[in-house]
Amino acid sequence: MDEWEEGEGVTVFDHPLIKHKLALIRDKETKHFLLRELVNELTYLMLYEATRGLKTKKKEVQTPLAKAEVDVLGEKLVIIPILRAGLGMLDGCLNLIPTARVGFVGLYRDEVSLDPVEYYFKTPPMSNSMVLVLDPMLATGGSVSAAIDGLKKSGAEEIIFMCILASPEGIEKLRENHPDVSIFCAHVDEKLDENGYIMPGMGDCGDRLYGTK
């Protein structure tokens, strides 16, 4: 795993399994049902490191031989996928941490202005919790920034963001708006095109996940 050299608070994963699965995700020939499986697997691999900051507490258990003092999670995790593409990363997280609570933020990007428009917002209590925001693509950074604005207003204090692909422009935008939020991603791509899409990217992740195009 390498720290992205262009800024602090950004972790770009450098692991052979992540690189391999990302290559398959990028391939336009990968079918939607296989893509969903790959995104889940990739999310699972990334989550292991992204949650390294979760707090633990001591607990005493009885082993078959003796009592032992062990470490267990001492902090709740709240997972917030940004609809709809973020749903593709949800199961990968719940497979690893099934006790996590889940909220949802629905946003779409206006095709003309590229500004985010919120249409749904529902979360569990987020105080004293690590809040993990999920979206496969960090493109312009506007939607994620808007989602985090709303989460902070609703009580979220410790927030991390995890995506598959990010653009340098999106990272810069998110770091500017929310410098306290750590970013974890599988790869930082070259740039945004004139339509605000990540290049070379992987196309529209929501459409590809659910076969809507």
N, C-alpha and C. Protein backbone atom coordinates (compact mmCIF):
# COMPACT_ATOMS: atom_id res chain seq x y z
N MET A 1 0.84 -1.19 0.00
CA MET A 1 0.00 0.00 0.00
C MET A 1 0.87 1.24 0.00
N ASP A 2 0.61 2.20 -0.89
CA ASP A 2 1.39 3.42 -0.99
C ASP A 2 0.52 4.62 -0.69
N GLU A 3 1.14 5.66 -0.09
CA GLU A 3 0.45 6.92 0.09
C GLU A 3 0.56 7.71 -1.22
N TRP A 4 -0.57 8.22 -1.68
CA TRP A 4 -0.55 9.03 -2.89
C TRP A 4 0.32 10.25 -2.66
N GLU A 5 1.22 10.52 -3.52
CA GLU A 5 2.26 11.52 -3.28
C GLU A 5 1.76 12.95 -3.38
N GLU A 6 0.59 13.16 -3.99
CA GLU A 6 0.13 14.51 -4.23
C GLU A 6 -0.53 15.17 -3.03
N GLY A 7 -0.81 14.44 -1.97
CA GLY A 7 -1.47 15.08 -0.84
C GLY A 7 -1.59 14.15 0.35
N GLU A 8 -1.72 14.73 1.51
CA GLU A 8 -1.87 13.96 2.73
C GLU A 8 -3.32 13.49 2.89
N GLY A 9 -3.49 12.45 3.69
CA GLY A 9 -4.84 11.95 3.96
C GLY A 9 -5.43 11.12 2.86
N VAL A 10 -4.63 10.74 1.86
CA VAL A 10 -5.11 9.92 0.75
C VAL A 10 -4.28 8.64 0.69
N THR A 11 -4.95 7.51 0.79
CA THR A 11 -4.28 6.22 0.71
C THR A 11 -4.67 5.52 -0.58
N VAL A 12 -3.67 5.22 -1.41
CA VAL A 12 -3.90 4.49 -2.65
C VAL A 12 -3.32 3.09 -2.49
N PHE A 13 -4.15 2.08 -2.64
CA PHE A 13 -3.71 0.72 -2.38
C PHE A 13 -2.81 0.20 -3.49
N ASP A 14 -1.80 -0.55 -3.09
CA ASP A 14 -0.85 -1.13 -4.02
C ASP A 14 -0.70 -2.61 -3.68
N HIS A 15 -1.69 -3.39 -4.08
CA HIS A 15 -1.70 -4.82 -3.75
C HIS A 15 -2.05 -5.60 -5.02
N PRO A 16 -1.35 -6.69 -5.30
CA PRO A 16 -1.60 -7.43 -6.53
C PRO A 16 -3.05 -7.86 -6.73
N LEU A 17 -3.72 -8.31 -5.68
CA LEU A 17 -5.11 -8.75 -5.82
C LEU A 17 -6.02 -7.59 -6.18
N ILE A 18 -5.77 -6.43 -5.55
CA ILE A 18 -6.58 -5.25 -5.85
C ILE A 18 -6.35 -4.81 -7.28
N LYS A 19 -5.10 -4.80 -7.73
CA LYS A 19 -4.80 -4.41 -9.10
C LYS A 19 -5.46 -5.36 -10.11
N HIS A 20 -5.42 -6.65 -9.82
CA HIS A 20 -6.00 -7.64 -10.74
C HIS A 20 -7.52 -7.47 -10.84
N LYS A 21 -8.17 -7.32 -9.70
CA LYS A 21 -9.63 -7.18 -9.73
C LYS A 21 -10.04 -5.86 -10.37
N LEU A 22 -9.25 -4.82 -10.14
CA LEU A 22 -9.54 -3.54 -10.77
C LEU A 22 -9.43 -3.64 -12.30
N ALA A 23 -8.45 -4.40 -12.77
CA ALA A 23 -8.30 -4.59 -14.22
C ALA A 23 -9.54 -5.24 -14.81
N LEU A 24 -10.09 -6.23 -14.13
CA LEU A 24 -11.30 -6.90 -14.61
C LEU A 24 -12.50 -5.96 -14.54
N ILE A 25 -12.56 -5.13 -13.52
CA ILE A 25 -13.65 -4.16 -13.39
C ILE A 25 -13.63 -3.15 -14.53
N ARG A 26 -12.46 -2.71 -14.92
CA ARG A 26 -12.34 -1.72 -16.00
C ARG A 26 -12.79 -2.29 -17.36
N ASP A 27 -12.59 -3.57 -17.58
CA ASP A 27 -12.84 -4.19 -18.88
C ASP A 27 -14.32 -4.09 -19.25
N LYS A 28 -14.61 -3.46 -20.38
CA LYS A 28 -16.00 -3.26 -20.80
C LYS A 28 -16.70 -4.57 -21.12
N GLU A 29 -15.93 -5.65 -21.31
CA GLU A 29 -16.53 -6.95 -21.62
C GLU A 29 -16.99 -7.68 -20.35
N THR A 30 -16.64 -7.18 -19.18
CA THR A 30 -17.05 -7.83 -17.93
C THR A 30 -18.55 -7.63 -17.72
N LYS A 31 -19.30 -8.71 -17.60
CA LYS A 31 -20.75 -8.66 -17.46
C LYS A 31 -21.16 -8.12 -16.09
N HIS A 32 -22.39 -7.61 -16.01
CA HIS A 32 -22.84 -6.95 -14.78
C HIS A 32 -22.84 -7.88 -13.57
N PHE A 33 -23.20 -9.14 -13.75
CA PHE A 33 -23.25 -10.04 -12.60
C PHE A 33 -21.85 -10.34 -12.07
N LEU A 34 -20.87 -10.43 -12.97
CA LEU A 34 -19.50 -10.64 -12.53
C LEU A 34 -18.93 -9.35 -11.95
N LEU A 35 -19.32 -8.22 -12.52
CA LEU A 35 -18.84 -6.93 -12.01
C LEU A 35 -19.27 -6.73 -10.56
N ARG A 36 -20.51 -7.09 -10.24
CA ARG A 36 -20.98 -6.95 -8.85
C ARG A 36 -20.13 -7.79 -7.90
N GLU A 37 -19.79 -8.99 -8.33
CA GLU A 37 -18.96 -9.87 -7.50
C GLU A 37 -17.56 -9.28 -7.31
N LEU A 38 -17.00 -8.74 -8.38
CA LEU A 38 -15.66 -8.16 -8.31
C LEU A 38 -15.62 -6.92 -7.42
N VAL A 39 -16.63 -6.07 -7.53
CA VAL A 39 -16.68 -4.87 -6.69
C VAL A 39 -16.80 -5.25 -5.22
N ASN A 40 -17.61 -6.28 -4.92
CA ASN A 40 -17.72 -6.75 -3.54
C ASN A 40 -16.38 -7.26 -3.03
N GLU A 41 -15.69 -8.05 -3.83
CA GLU A 41 -14.41 -8.61 -3.42
C GLU A 41 -13.37 -7.50 -3.22
N LEU A 42 -13.34 -6.55 -4.14
CA LEU A 42 -12.38 -5.45 -4.03
C LEU A 42 -12.66 -4.61 -2.80
N THR A 43 -13.94 -4.34 -2.52
CA THR A 43 -14.32 -3.58 -1.34
C THR A 43 -13.87 -4.29 -0.06
N TYR A 44 -14.06 -5.59 -0.03
CA TYR A 44 -13.67 -6.40 1.13
C TYR A 44 -12.17 -6.24 1.39
N LEU A 45 -11.37 -6.31 0.34
CA LEU A 45 -9.92 -6.19 0.49
C LEU A 45 -9.52 -4.80 0.98
N MET A 46 -10.17 -3.77 0.46
CA MET A 46 -9.84 -2.40 0.84
C MET A 46 -10.28 -2.08 2.27
N LEU A 47 -11.43 -2.63 2.67
CA LEU A 47 -11.99 -2.31 3.99
C LEU A 47 -11.07 -2.75 5.12
N TYR A 48 -10.37 -3.84 4.90
CA TYR A 48 -9.46 -4.37 5.93
C TYR A 48 -8.51 -3.29 6.41
N GLU A 49 -7.94 -2.54 5.46
CA GLU A 49 -6.98 -1.49 5.83
C GLU A 49 -7.67 -0.18 6.17
N ALA A 50 -8.77 0.12 5.52
CA ALA A 50 -9.45 1.39 5.76
C ALA A 50 -9.99 1.49 7.18
N THR A 51 -10.30 0.35 7.80
CA THR A 51 -10.83 0.36 9.17
C THR A 51 -9.75 0.15 10.22
N ARG A 52 -8.50 0.31 9.85
CA ARG A 52 -7.42 0.13 10.81
C ARG A 52 -7.57 1.07 12.00
N GLY A 53 -8.21 2.22 11.81
CA GLY A 53 -8.36 3.20 12.88
C GLY A 53 -9.50 2.93 13.84
N LEU A 54 -10.26 1.85 13.61
CA LEU A 54 -11.34 1.52 14.54
C LEU A 54 -10.79 1.27 15.95
N LYS A 55 -11.45 1.85 16.92
CA LYS A 55 -10.99 1.69 18.31
C LYS A 55 -11.42 0.33 18.86
N THR A 56 -10.60 -0.22 19.74
CA THR A 56 -10.91 -1.49 20.39
C THR A 56 -10.97 -1.30 21.90
N LYS A 57 -11.50 -2.31 22.57
CA LYS A 57 -11.54 -2.31 24.02
C LYS A 57 -11.21 -3.71 24.52
N LYS A 58 -10.81 -3.78 25.78
CA LYS A 58 -10.43 -5.06 26.36
C LYS A 58 -11.66 -5.82 26.86
N LYS A 59 -11.58 -7.14 26.73
CA LYS A 59 -12.65 -8.02 27.20
C LYS A 59 -12.03 -9.33 27.66
N GLU A 60 -12.61 -9.91 28.67
CA GLU A 60 -12.11 -11.20 29.16
C GLU A 60 -13.00 -12.31 28.64
N VAL A 61 -12.38 -13.34 28.05
CA VAL A 61 -13.12 -14.50 27.57
C VAL A 61 -12.52 -15.76 28.16
N GLN A 62 -13.31 -16.82 28.15
CA GLN A 62 -12.84 -18.11 28.63
C GLN A 62 -12.49 -18.98 27.44
N THR A 63 -11.23 -19.30 27.26
CA THR A 63 -10.83 -20.22 26.21
C THR A 63 -11.04 -21.66 26.71
N PRO A 64 -10.85 -22.67 25.90
CA PRO A 64 -10.95 -24.05 26.39
C PRO A 64 -9.95 -24.37 27.50
N LEU A 65 -8.91 -23.53 27.64
CA LEU A 65 -7.86 -23.83 28.61
C LEU A 65 -7.79 -22.85 29.78
N ALA A 66 -8.09 -21.57 29.52
CA ALA A 66 -7.92 -20.57 30.58
C ALA A 66 -8.63 -19.29 30.17
N LYS A 67 -8.67 -18.34 31.10
CA LYS A 67 -9.21 -17.02 30.79
C LYS A 67 -8.16 -16.22 30.01
N ALA A 68 -8.64 -15.38 29.12
CA ALA A 68 -7.73 -14.57 28.30
C ALA A 68 -8.31 -13.17 28.13
N GLU A 69 -7.43 -12.18 28.16
CA GLU A 69 -7.84 -10.82 27.87
C GLU A 69 -7.65 -10.56 26.39
N VAL A 70 -8.71 -10.17 25.72
CA VAL A 70 -8.68 -10.01 24.27
C VAL A 70 -9.14 -8.61 23.88
N ASP A 71 -8.90 -8.26 22.62
CA ASP A 71 -9.36 -6.99 22.08
C ASP A 71 -10.58 -7.22 21.20
N VAL A 72 -11.63 -6.44 21.43
CA VAL A 72 -12.83 -6.48 20.60
C VAL A 72 -13.14 -5.05 20.15
N LEU A 73 -13.98 -4.94 19.13
CA LEU A 73 -14.33 -3.61 18.65
C LEU A 73 -15.00 -2.81 19.76
N GLY A 74 -14.48 -1.61 19.97
CA GLY A 74 -15.03 -0.73 20.99
C GLY A 74 -15.70 0.49 20.40
N GLU A 75 -15.85 0.48 19.09
CA GLU A 75 -16.43 1.61 18.38
C GLU A 75 -17.38 1.08 17.32
N LYS A 76 -18.53 1.73 17.18
CA LYS A 76 -19.50 1.32 16.17
C LYS A 76 -19.07 1.80 14.79
N LEU A 77 -19.50 1.05 13.78
CA LEU A 77 -19.27 1.44 12.40
C LEU A 77 -20.61 1.69 11.73
N VAL A 78 -20.72 2.85 11.09
CA VAL A 78 -21.90 3.17 10.29
C VAL A 78 -21.45 3.28 8.84
N ILE A 79 -22.11 2.55 7.96
CA ILE A 79 -21.75 2.53 6.55
C ILE A 79 -22.80 3.33 5.77
N ILE A 80 -22.33 4.26 4.94
CA ILE A 80 -23.22 5.11 4.17
C ILE A 80 -22.88 4.98 2.68
N PRO A 81 -23.57 4.11 1.95
CA PRO A 81 -23.37 4.10 0.50
C PRO A 81 -24.12 5.26 -0.14
N ILE A 82 -23.48 5.91 -1.11
CA ILE A 82 -24.15 6.95 -1.87
C ILE A 82 -24.86 6.27 -3.04
N LEU A 83 -26.18 6.42 -3.09
CA LEU A 83 -26.99 5.77 -4.11
C LEU A 83 -26.71 6.36 -5.49
N ARG A 84 -26.74 5.49 -6.51
CA ARG A 84 -27.04 4.07 -6.37
C ARG A 84 -25.80 3.20 -6.42
N ALA A 85 -24.73 3.74 -7.06
CA ALA A 85 -23.54 2.93 -7.30
C ALA A 85 -22.89 2.47 -6.01
N GLY A 86 -23.00 3.27 -4.95
CA GLY A 86 -22.40 2.90 -3.68
C GLY A 86 -22.95 1.61 -3.10
N LEU A 87 -24.17 1.24 -3.52
CA LEU A 87 -24.75 -0.03 -3.06
C LEU A 87 -23.90 -1.22 -3.48
N GLY A 88 -23.19 -1.07 -4.58
CA GLY A 88 -22.36 -2.17 -5.06
C GLY A 88 -21.21 -2.50 -4.12
N MET A 89 -20.86 -1.57 -3.23
CA MET A 89 -19.77 -1.79 -2.28
C MET A 89 -20.27 -2.21 -0.90
N LEU A 90 -21.59 -2.18 -0.70
CA LEU A 90 -22.13 -2.40 0.64
C LEU A 90 -21.93 -3.82 1.15
N ASP A 91 -22.27 -4.82 0.32
CA ASP A 91 -22.17 -6.20 0.79
C ASP A 91 -20.74 -6.58 1.14
N GLY A 92 -19.77 -6.05 0.41
CA GLY A 92 -18.38 -6.34 0.73
C GLY A 92 -18.02 -5.87 2.12
N CYS A 93 -18.61 -4.76 2.56
CA CYS A 93 -18.37 -4.26 3.91
C CYS A 93 -19.10 -5.09 4.96
N LEU A 94 -20.37 -5.40 4.67
CA LEU A 94 -21.17 -6.15 5.66
C LEU A 94 -20.67 -7.58 5.80
N ASN A 95 -20.07 -8.14 4.77
CA ASN A 95 -19.50 -9.48 4.89
C ASN A 95 -18.37 -9.52 5.91
N LEU A 96 -17.64 -8.40 6.02
CA LEU A 96 -16.53 -8.35 6.96
C LEU A 96 -16.97 -7.86 8.33
N ILE A 97 -17.91 -6.90 8.37
CA ILE A 97 -18.38 -6.34 9.65
C ILE A 97 -19.91 -6.38 9.63
N PRO A 98 -20.51 -7.53 9.90
CA PRO A 98 -21.97 -7.65 9.80
C PRO A 98 -22.73 -6.86 10.85
N THR A 99 -22.07 -6.43 11.91
CA THR A 99 -22.76 -5.68 12.97
C THR A 99 -22.90 -4.19 12.63
N ALA A 100 -22.30 -3.76 11.54
CA ALA A 100 -22.37 -2.34 11.17
C ALA A 100 -23.80 -1.93 10.87
N ARG A 101 -24.10 -0.66 11.19
CA ARG A 101 -25.39 -0.09 10.81
C ARG A 101 -25.23 0.61 9.46
N VAL A 102 -26.35 0.77 8.77
CA VAL A 102 -26.30 1.28 7.40
C VAL A 102 -27.27 2.44 7.22
N GLY A 103 -26.78 3.51 6.59
CA GLY A 103 -27.62 4.61 6.17
C GLY A 103 -27.48 4.80 4.68
N PHE A 104 -28.30 5.69 4.11
CA PHE A 104 -28.28 5.89 2.67
C PHE A 104 -28.39 7.37 2.33
N VAL A 105 -27.59 7.79 1.37
CA VAL A 105 -27.69 9.14 0.84
C VAL A 105 -27.89 9.02 -0.67
N GLY A 106 -28.99 9.58 -1.15
CA GLY A 106 -29.29 9.54 -2.57
C GLY A 106 -28.93 10.85 -3.24
N LEU A 107 -28.02 10.80 -4.19
CA LEU A 107 -27.58 11.98 -4.93
C LEU A 107 -27.48 11.63 -6.41
N TYR A 108 -27.77 12.60 -7.25
CA TYR A 108 -27.42 12.46 -8.66
C TYR A 108 -26.78 13.75 -9.12
N ARG A 109 -26.02 13.66 -10.19
CA ARG A 109 -25.28 14.81 -10.70
C ARG A 109 -26.02 15.42 -11.88
N ASP A 110 -26.37 16.71 -11.74
CA ASP A 110 -27.02 17.41 -12.84
C ASP A 110 -26.12 17.36 -14.07
N GLU A 111 -26.66 16.91 -15.19
CA GLU A 111 -25.83 16.69 -16.37
C GLU A 111 -25.32 17.98 -16.99
N VAL A 112 -25.96 19.10 -16.69
CA VAL A 112 -25.54 20.38 -17.25
C VAL A 112 -24.57 21.10 -16.32
N SER A 113 -25.01 21.32 -15.07
CA SER A 113 -24.18 22.07 -14.12
C SER A 113 -23.14 21.20 -13.42
N LEU A 114 -23.37 19.87 -13.44
CA LEU A 114 -22.55 18.88 -12.72
C LEU A 114 -22.68 19.01 -11.20
N ASP A 115 -23.63 19.84 -10.72
CA ASP A 115 -23.85 20.01 -9.29
C ASP A 115 -24.64 18.82 -8.75
N PRO A 116 -24.39 18.42 -7.48
CA PRO A 116 -25.14 17.31 -6.89
C PRO A 116 -26.54 17.74 -6.46
N VAL A 117 -27.50 16.85 -6.66
CA VAL A 117 -28.88 17.08 -6.24
C VAL A 117 -29.28 15.94 -5.31
N GLU A 118 -29.67 16.25 -4.06
CA GLU A 118 -30.04 15.22 -3.09
C GLU A 118 -31.51 14.87 -3.22
N TYR A 119 -31.81 13.57 -3.22
CA TYR A 119 -33.20 13.13 -3.29
C TYR A 119 -33.56 12.16 -2.15
N TYR A 120 -32.56 11.70 -1.37
CA TYR A 120 -32.86 10.80 -0.24
C TYR A 120 -31.75 10.91 0.79
N PHE A 121 -32.15 10.91 2.07
CA PHE A 121 -31.17 10.97 3.16
C PHE A 121 -31.76 10.29 4.39
N LYS A 122 -31.19 9.17 4.79
CA LYS A 122 -31.67 8.42 5.95
C LYS A 122 -30.49 7.71 6.60
N THR A 123 -30.21 8.03 7.86
CA THR A 123 -29.07 7.43 8.55
C THR A 123 -29.45 7.00 9.96
N PRO A 124 -28.72 6.03 10.51
CA PRO A 124 -28.86 5.72 11.93
C PRO A 124 -28.10 6.76 12.75
N PRO A 125 -28.20 6.72 14.08
CA PRO A 125 -27.38 7.63 14.90
C PRO A 125 -25.90 7.42 14.58
N MET A 126 -25.17 8.52 14.50
CA MET A 126 -23.77 8.43 14.07
C MET A 126 -22.78 8.94 15.10
N SER A 127 -23.24 9.39 16.27
CA SER A 127 -22.31 9.87 17.29
C SER A 127 -21.53 8.69 17.85
N ASN A 128 -20.28 8.94 18.21
CA ASN A 128 -19.39 7.91 18.76
C ASN A 128 -19.21 6.72 17.81
N SER A 129 -19.24 7.00 16.53
CA SER A 129 -19.09 5.95 15.51
C SER A 129 -18.11 6.39 14.44
N MET A 130 -17.46 5.41 13.83
CA MET A 130 -16.74 5.68 12.60
C MET A 130 -17.73 5.58 11.45
N VAL A 131 -17.79 6.60 10.63
CA VAL A 131 -18.73 6.64 9.51
C VAL A 131 -17.95 6.43 8.22
N LEU A 132 -18.30 5.37 7.51
CA LEU A 132 -17.63 5.01 6.26
C LEU A 132 -18.54 5.33 5.10
N VAL A 133 -18.14 6.27 4.25
CA VAL A 133 -18.91 6.67 3.08
C VAL A 133 -18.38 5.92 1.87
N LEU A 134 -19.30 5.37 1.07
CA LEU A 134 -18.93 4.53 -0.07
C LEU A 134 -19.45 5.13 -1.37
N ASP A 135 -18.59 5.21 -2.36
CA ASP A 135 -18.98 5.56 -3.72
C ASP A 135 -17.85 5.06 -4.62
N PRO A 136 -18.15 4.23 -5.62
CA PRO A 136 -17.07 3.68 -6.44
C PRO A 136 -16.22 4.72 -7.15
N MET A 137 -16.82 5.88 -7.48
CA MET A 137 -16.13 6.87 -8.29
C MET A 137 -16.05 8.21 -7.57
N LEU A 138 -14.85 8.74 -7.41
CA LEU A 138 -14.67 10.12 -6.93
C LEU A 138 -14.26 10.93 -8.15
N ALA A 139 -15.25 11.52 -8.81
CA ALA A 139 -15.01 12.24 -10.07
C ALA A 139 -14.76 13.72 -9.79
N THR A 140 -15.81 14.53 -9.82
CA THR A 140 -15.62 15.96 -9.54
C THR A 140 -15.45 16.24 -8.06
N GLY A 141 -15.93 15.32 -7.21
CA GLY A 141 -15.87 15.52 -5.77
C GLY A 141 -17.08 16.24 -5.20
N GLY A 142 -17.95 16.75 -6.08
CA GLY A 142 -19.10 17.52 -5.63
C GLY A 142 -20.12 16.70 -4.87
N SER A 143 -20.46 15.52 -5.38
CA SER A 143 -21.48 14.69 -4.73
C SER A 143 -21.01 14.19 -3.37
N VAL A 144 -19.78 13.72 -3.32
CA VAL A 144 -19.26 13.21 -2.04
C VAL A 144 -19.17 14.34 -1.02
N SER A 145 -18.71 15.50 -1.44
CA SER A 145 -18.61 16.65 -0.53
C SER A 145 -19.98 17.03 0.01
N ALA A 146 -20.99 17.01 -0.87
CA ALA A 146 -22.35 17.34 -0.45
C ALA A 146 -22.89 16.31 0.53
N ALA A 147 -22.61 15.03 0.25
CA ALA A 147 -23.06 13.97 1.16
C ALA A 147 -22.42 14.12 2.53
N ILE A 148 -21.14 14.42 2.56
CA ILE A 148 -20.45 14.58 3.84
C ILE A 148 -20.92 15.82 4.57
N ASP A 149 -21.26 16.89 3.84
CA ASP A 149 -21.87 18.07 4.47
C ASP A 149 -23.10 17.66 5.27
N GLY A 150 -23.97 16.88 4.63
CA GLY A 150 -25.20 16.44 5.29
C GLY A 150 -24.94 15.51 6.47
N LEU A 151 -23.96 14.64 6.34
CA LEU A 151 -23.64 13.71 7.43
C LEU A 151 -23.11 14.46 8.64
N LYS A 152 -22.27 15.45 8.41
CA LYS A 152 -21.74 16.25 9.53
C LYS A 152 -22.86 17.01 10.23
N LYS A 153 -23.79 17.55 9.47
CA LYS A 153 -24.92 18.26 10.06
C LYS A 153 -25.80 17.33 10.88
N SER A 154 -25.77 16.03 10.54
CA SER A 154 -26.59 15.04 11.25
C SER A 154 -25.84 14.35 12.38
N GLY A 155 -24.63 14.83 12.70
CA GLY A 155 -23.92 14.32 13.87
C GLY A 155 -22.69 13.50 13.62
N ALA A 156 -22.33 13.23 12.36
CA ALA A 156 -21.12 12.45 12.09
C ALA A 156 -19.88 13.28 12.40
N GLU A 157 -18.93 12.68 13.09
CA GLU A 157 -17.71 13.39 13.46
C GLU A 157 -16.47 12.73 12.88
N GLU A 158 -16.40 11.40 12.92
CA GLU A 158 -15.25 10.66 12.38
C GLU A 158 -15.69 10.01 11.08
N ILE A 159 -15.22 10.55 9.95
CA ILE A 159 -15.67 10.10 8.65
C ILE A 159 -14.48 9.68 7.80
N ILE A 160 -14.62 8.55 7.13
CA ILE A 160 -13.65 8.15 6.11
C ILE A 160 -14.42 7.86 4.82
N PHE A 161 -13.75 8.03 3.70
CA PHE A 161 -14.38 7.83 2.40
C PHE A 161 -13.60 6.78 1.62
N MET A 162 -14.32 5.84 1.03
CA MET A 162 -13.66 4.78 0.28
C MET A 162 -14.28 4.68 -1.12
N CYS A 163 -13.40 4.67 -2.13
CA CYS A 163 -13.85 4.55 -3.51
C CYS A 163 -12.93 3.60 -4.25
N ILE A 164 -13.33 3.25 -5.46
CA ILE A 164 -12.50 2.39 -6.29
C ILE A 164 -11.56 3.23 -7.15
N LEU A 165 -12.14 4.20 -7.88
CA LEU A 165 -11.34 5.09 -8.71
C LEU A 165 -11.55 6.54 -8.29
N ALA A 166 -10.48 7.33 -8.39
CA ALA A 166 -10.56 8.75 -8.07
C ALA A 166 -9.83 9.54 -9.16
N SER A 167 -10.28 10.76 -9.35
CA SER A 167 -9.55 11.69 -10.23
C SER A 167 -8.74 12.64 -9.36
N PRO A 168 -7.64 13.17 -9.87
CA PRO A 168 -6.90 14.18 -9.09
C PRO A 168 -7.77 15.38 -8.74
N GLU A 169 -8.65 15.77 -9.66
CA GLU A 169 -9.53 16.90 -9.40
C GLU A 169 -10.50 16.61 -8.26
N GLY A 170 -11.04 15.39 -8.24
CA GLY A 170 -11.97 15.01 -7.18
C GLY A 170 -11.31 14.97 -5.82
N ILE A 171 -10.10 14.44 -5.78
CA ILE A 171 -9.36 14.39 -4.52
C ILE A 171 -9.10 15.81 -4.02
N GLU A 172 -8.67 16.68 -4.92
CA GLU A 172 -8.39 18.06 -4.52
C GLU A 172 -9.64 18.74 -3.97
N LYS A 173 -10.78 18.51 -4.63
CA LYS A 173 -12.04 19.11 -4.20
C LYS A 173 -12.45 18.61 -2.82
N LEU A 174 -12.38 17.31 -2.62
CA LEU A 174 -12.79 16.73 -1.34
C LEU A 174 -11.84 17.15 -0.23
N ARG A 175 -10.55 17.20 -0.50
CA ARG A 175 -9.58 17.63 0.51
C ARG A 175 -9.78 19.11 0.87
N GLU A 176 -10.16 19.88 -0.12
CA GLU A 176 -10.42 21.31 0.12
C GLU A 176 -11.66 21.51 1.00
N ASN A 177 -12.72 20.75 0.70
CA ASN A 177 -13.97 20.91 1.44
C ASN A 177 -13.97 20.21 2.78
N HIS A 178 -13.29 19.06 2.86
CA HIS A 178 -13.30 18.25 4.08
C HIS A 178 -11.90 17.69 4.35
N PRO A 179 -10.98 18.53 4.79
CA PRO A 179 -9.60 18.06 5.00
C PRO A 179 -9.47 17.05 6.13
N ASP A 180 -10.50 16.92 6.96
CA ASP A 180 -10.47 15.97 8.08
C ASP A 180 -10.90 14.57 7.66
N VAL A 181 -11.36 14.39 6.43
CA VAL A 181 -11.85 13.09 5.96
C VAL A 181 -10.73 12.36 5.23
N SER A 182 -10.40 11.16 5.69
CA SER A 182 -9.39 10.34 5.03
C SER A 182 -9.99 9.66 3.80
N ILE A 183 -9.22 9.58 2.73
CA ILE A 183 -9.67 9.00 1.48
C ILE A 183 -8.88 7.72 1.20
N PHE A 184 -9.59 6.65 0.88
CA PHE A 184 -8.98 5.38 0.51
C PHE A 184 -9.49 5.00 -0.88
N CYS A 185 -8.58 4.68 -1.79
CA CYS A 185 -9.01 4.30 -3.14
C CYS A 185 -8.06 3.28 -3.73
N ALA A 186 -8.56 2.56 -4.75
CA ALA A 186 -7.75 1.53 -5.39
C ALA A 186 -6.80 2.13 -6.42
N HIS A 187 -7.21 3.26 -7.03
CA HIS A 187 -6.34 3.87 -8.04
C HIS A 187 -6.75 5.32 -8.28
N VAL A 188 -5.76 6.17 -8.55
CA VAL A 188 -6.02 7.54 -8.97
C VAL A 188 -5.77 7.61 -10.47
N ASP A 189 -6.82 7.92 -11.24
CA ASP A 189 -6.70 7.96 -12.69
C ASP A 189 -6.14 9.30 -13.18
N GLU A 190 -6.07 9.45 -14.49
CA GLU A 190 -5.35 10.58 -15.08
C GLU A 190 -6.05 11.92 -14.90
N LYS A 191 -7.35 11.98 -15.21
CA LYS A 191 -8.03 13.28 -15.25
C LYS A 191 -9.53 13.08 -15.43
N LEU A 192 -10.26 14.20 -15.44
CA LEU A 192 -11.65 14.22 -15.85
C LEU A 192 -11.74 14.71 -17.30
N ASP A 193 -12.71 14.16 -18.04
CA ASP A 193 -12.92 14.68 -19.39
C ASP A 193 -13.85 15.90 -19.33
N GLU A 194 -14.24 16.42 -20.48
CA GLU A 194 -15.06 17.64 -20.52
C GLU A 194 -16.45 17.43 -19.95
N ASN A 195 -16.87 16.17 -19.81
CA ASN A 195 -18.18 15.86 -19.24
C ASN A 195 -18.12 15.49 -17.77
N GLY A 196 -16.93 15.57 -17.18
CA GLY A 196 -16.78 15.25 -15.77
C GLY A 196 -16.65 13.78 -15.47
N TYR A 197 -16.29 12.97 -16.47
CA TYR A 197 -16.09 11.54 -16.25
C TYR A 197 -14.60 11.23 -16.06
N ILE A 198 -14.34 10.26 -15.19
CA ILE A 198 -12.96 9.87 -14.93
C ILE A 198 -12.38 9.16 -16.15
N MET A 199 -11.17 9.55 -16.51
CA MET A 199 -10.47 8.93 -17.64
C MET A 199 -9.18 8.26 -17.17
N PRO A 200 -8.89 7.01 -17.57
CA PRO A 200 -9.70 6.17 -18.44
C PRO A 200 -10.92 5.55 -17.76
N GLY A 201 -10.93 5.51 -16.43
CA GLY A 201 -12.12 5.13 -15.69
C GLY A 201 -12.61 3.73 -15.93
N MET A 202 -13.93 3.56 -15.72
CA MET A 202 -14.58 2.27 -15.97
C MET A 202 -16.01 2.47 -16.46
N GLY A 203 -16.29 3.65 -17.00
CA GLY A 203 -17.63 3.94 -17.46
C GLY A 203 -18.54 4.32 -16.31
N ASP A 204 -19.84 4.29 -16.54
CA ASP A 204 -20.83 4.58 -15.50
C ASP A 204 -20.98 3.35 -14.62
N CYS A 205 -20.48 3.43 -13.40
CA CYS A 205 -20.44 2.24 -12.54
C CYS A 205 -21.84 1.75 -12.19
N GLY A 206 -22.77 2.66 -11.93
CA GLY A 206 -24.13 2.24 -11.60
C GLY A 206 -24.78 1.48 -12.74
N ASP A 207 -24.67 2.00 -13.95
CA ASP A 207 -25.24 1.31 -15.10
C ASP A 207 -24.59 -0.05 -15.31
N ARG A 208 -23.29 -0.11 -15.14
CA ARG A 208 -22.58 -1.37 -15.37
C ARG A 208 -22.88 -2.39 -14.28
N LEU A 209 -23.05 -1.94 -13.04
CA LEU A 209 -23.37 -2.86 -11.95
C LEU A 209 -24.73 -3.51 -12.12
N TYR A 210 -25.69 -2.72 -12.58
CA TYR A 210 -27.08 -3.21 -12.57
C TYR A 210 -27.64 -3.46 -13.97
N GLY A 211 -26.78 -3.35 -14.99
CA GLY A 211 -27.19 -3.70 -16.34
C GLY A 211 -28.27 -2.80 -16.91
N THR A 212 -28.26 -1.52 -16.50
CA THR A 212 -29.29 -0.60 -16.98
C THR A 212 -28.95 0.03 -18.31
N LYS A 213 -27.74 -0.24 -18.82
CA LYS A 213 -27.38 0.21 -20.16
C LYS A 213 -26.59 -0.89 -20.83
